[in-house]
Protein backbone atom coordinates (compact mmCIF):
# COMPACT_ATOMS: atom_id res chain seq x y z
CA MET A 1 0.00 0.00 0.00
CA LYS A 2 2.85 2.41 0.85
CA ALA A 3 4.43 1.73 -2.54
CA LEU A 4 1.14 2.57 -4.28
CA VAL A 5 0.83 5.86 -2.40
CA ALA A 6 4.47 6.71 -3.13
CA ALA A 7 3.94 5.96 -6.82
CA ALA A 8 0.84 8.17 -6.92
CA VAL A 9 2.69 11.05 -5.26
CA ALA A 10 5.64 10.66 -7.64
CA ALA A 11 3.31 10.65 -10.65
CA GLY A 12 1.66 13.81 -9.39
CA LEU A 13 4.99 15.55 -9.03
CA LEU A 14 6.13 14.47 -12.47
CA SER A 15 2.97 15.81 -14.05
CA ALA A 16 3.14 19.21 -12.34
CA SER A 17 1.43 21.92 -14.32
CA PRO A 18 3.46 23.55 -17.09
CA ALA A 19 2.94 26.93 -15.42
CA PHE A 20 4.68 25.74 -12.28
CA ALA A 21 7.42 24.01 -14.22
CA SER A 22 8.07 27.07 -16.38
CA GLU A 23 8.08 29.44 -13.42
CA ALA A 24 10.60 27.13 -11.78
CA LEU A 25 12.63 27.20 -15.00
CA ALA A 26 12.52 31.01 -15.03
CA LYS A 27 13.75 31.03 -11.46
CA SER A 28 16.53 28.55 -12.21
CA LYS A 29 17.75 30.69 -15.14
CA ASN A 30 17.70 33.83 -12.95
CA CYS A 31 14.98 35.50 -15.07
CA LEU A 32 13.05 36.48 -11.94
CA ALA A 33 15.91 38.75 -10.86
CA CYS A 34 14.65 41.29 -13.42
CA HIS A 35 11.10 40.13 -14.28
CA ALA A 36 7.99 39.26 -12.30
CA VAL A 37 4.79 37.64 -13.52
CA ASP A 38 2.45 40.55 -12.92
CA LYS A 39 4.52 43.69 -12.34
CA LYS A 40 7.47 45.60 -13.72
CA LEU A 41 10.77 45.15 -11.95
CA VAL A 42 13.85 46.02 -13.99
CA GLY A 43 12.11 44.64 -17.07
CA PRO A 44 8.42 44.31 -17.91
CA GLY A 45 6.14 41.83 -16.18
CA TYR A 46 5.48 38.61 -18.04
CA LYS A 47 1.75 39.32 -18.30
CA GLU A 48 2.55 42.65 -19.98
CA ILE A 49 4.84 40.84 -22.43
CA ALA A 50 2.10 38.29 -23.15
CA ALA A 51 -0.42 41.07 -23.81
CA LYS A 52 1.94 42.98 -26.12
CA TYR A 53 2.69 39.95 -28.29
CA ALA A 54 -0.70 38.19 -28.16
CA GLY A 55 -1.62 36.77 -31.55
CA GLN A 56 1.68 37.68 -33.25
CA ALA A 57 2.87 34.63 -35.17
CA ASP A 58 6.53 35.67 -35.11
CA ALA A 59 6.57 36.45 -31.38
CA PRO A 60 7.72 33.04 -30.05
CA ALA A 61 10.86 32.91 -32.21
CA MET A 62 11.65 36.59 -31.68
CA LEU A 63 11.25 36.35 -27.89
CA ALA A 64 13.31 33.17 -27.65
CA THR A 65 16.11 34.93 -29.52
CA LYS A 66 15.79 37.96 -27.25
CA ILE A 67 16.05 35.75 -24.16
CA GLN A 68 19.27 34.21 -25.46
CA LYS A 69 20.91 37.22 -27.14
CA GLY A 70 19.46 40.14 -25.17
CA GLY A 71 18.10 43.37 -26.56
CA VAL A 72 17.25 46.98 -25.89
CA GLY A 73 14.67 49.54 -26.97
CA THR A 74 11.39 47.65 -26.96
CA TRP A 75 10.62 48.41 -23.31
CA GLY A 76 12.84 51.44 -22.73
CA LYS A 77 16.53 52.21 -22.47
CA VAL A 78 17.53 49.53 -19.95
CA PRO A 79 19.11 46.67 -21.91
CA MET A 80 18.24 43.03 -21.36
CA PRO A 81 21.56 41.20 -21.18
CA PRO A 82 22.15 38.03 -23.18
CA ASN A 83 21.43 34.77 -21.38
CA ALA A 84 23.79 32.31 -23.02
CA GLN A 85 23.06 29.72 -20.30
CA VAL A 86 19.52 29.34 -21.70
CA ASN A 87 19.50 26.67 -24.42
CA ASP A 88 17.02 26.61 -27.32
CA ALA A 89 14.59 24.19 -25.64
CA ASP A 90 14.52 26.17 -22.40
CA ALA A 91 14.06 29.46 -24.28
CA LYS A 92 11.09 27.95 -26.13
CA ALA A 93 9.60 26.62 -22.89
CA LEU A 94 9.97 30.01 -21.22
CA VAL A 95 8.37 31.84 -24.16
CA ASP A 96 5.48 29.36 -24.34
CA TRP A 97 4.84 29.91 -20.63
CA ILE A 98 5.13 33.70 -20.84
CA LEU A 99 2.76 33.92 -23.82
CA SER A 100 0.24 31.69 -22.02
CA LEU A 101 -0.15 34.18 -19.16
CA LYS A 102 -3.26 36.33 -19.09
């Protein structure tokens, strides 16, 4: 019985919601040092980013590139530094999560 309960708990943890997993990814990549989900810190809040790029077909690729290579000008004069430690798959996961926020 204990093994069954342990298996059920493990399965629940492995199937954690994408939102939680992506927020954890953002934290692990140090994104939350400059961004928050629902307010501006150094950079814009993720919900503001999602609203700005809602429905734009080219947004996912552009944002993934911006995460990895950095940028300046879209949200003001403070530059977003490049994040070379974020690989392509993680950048895509982060962008998918950000654009899913309402």
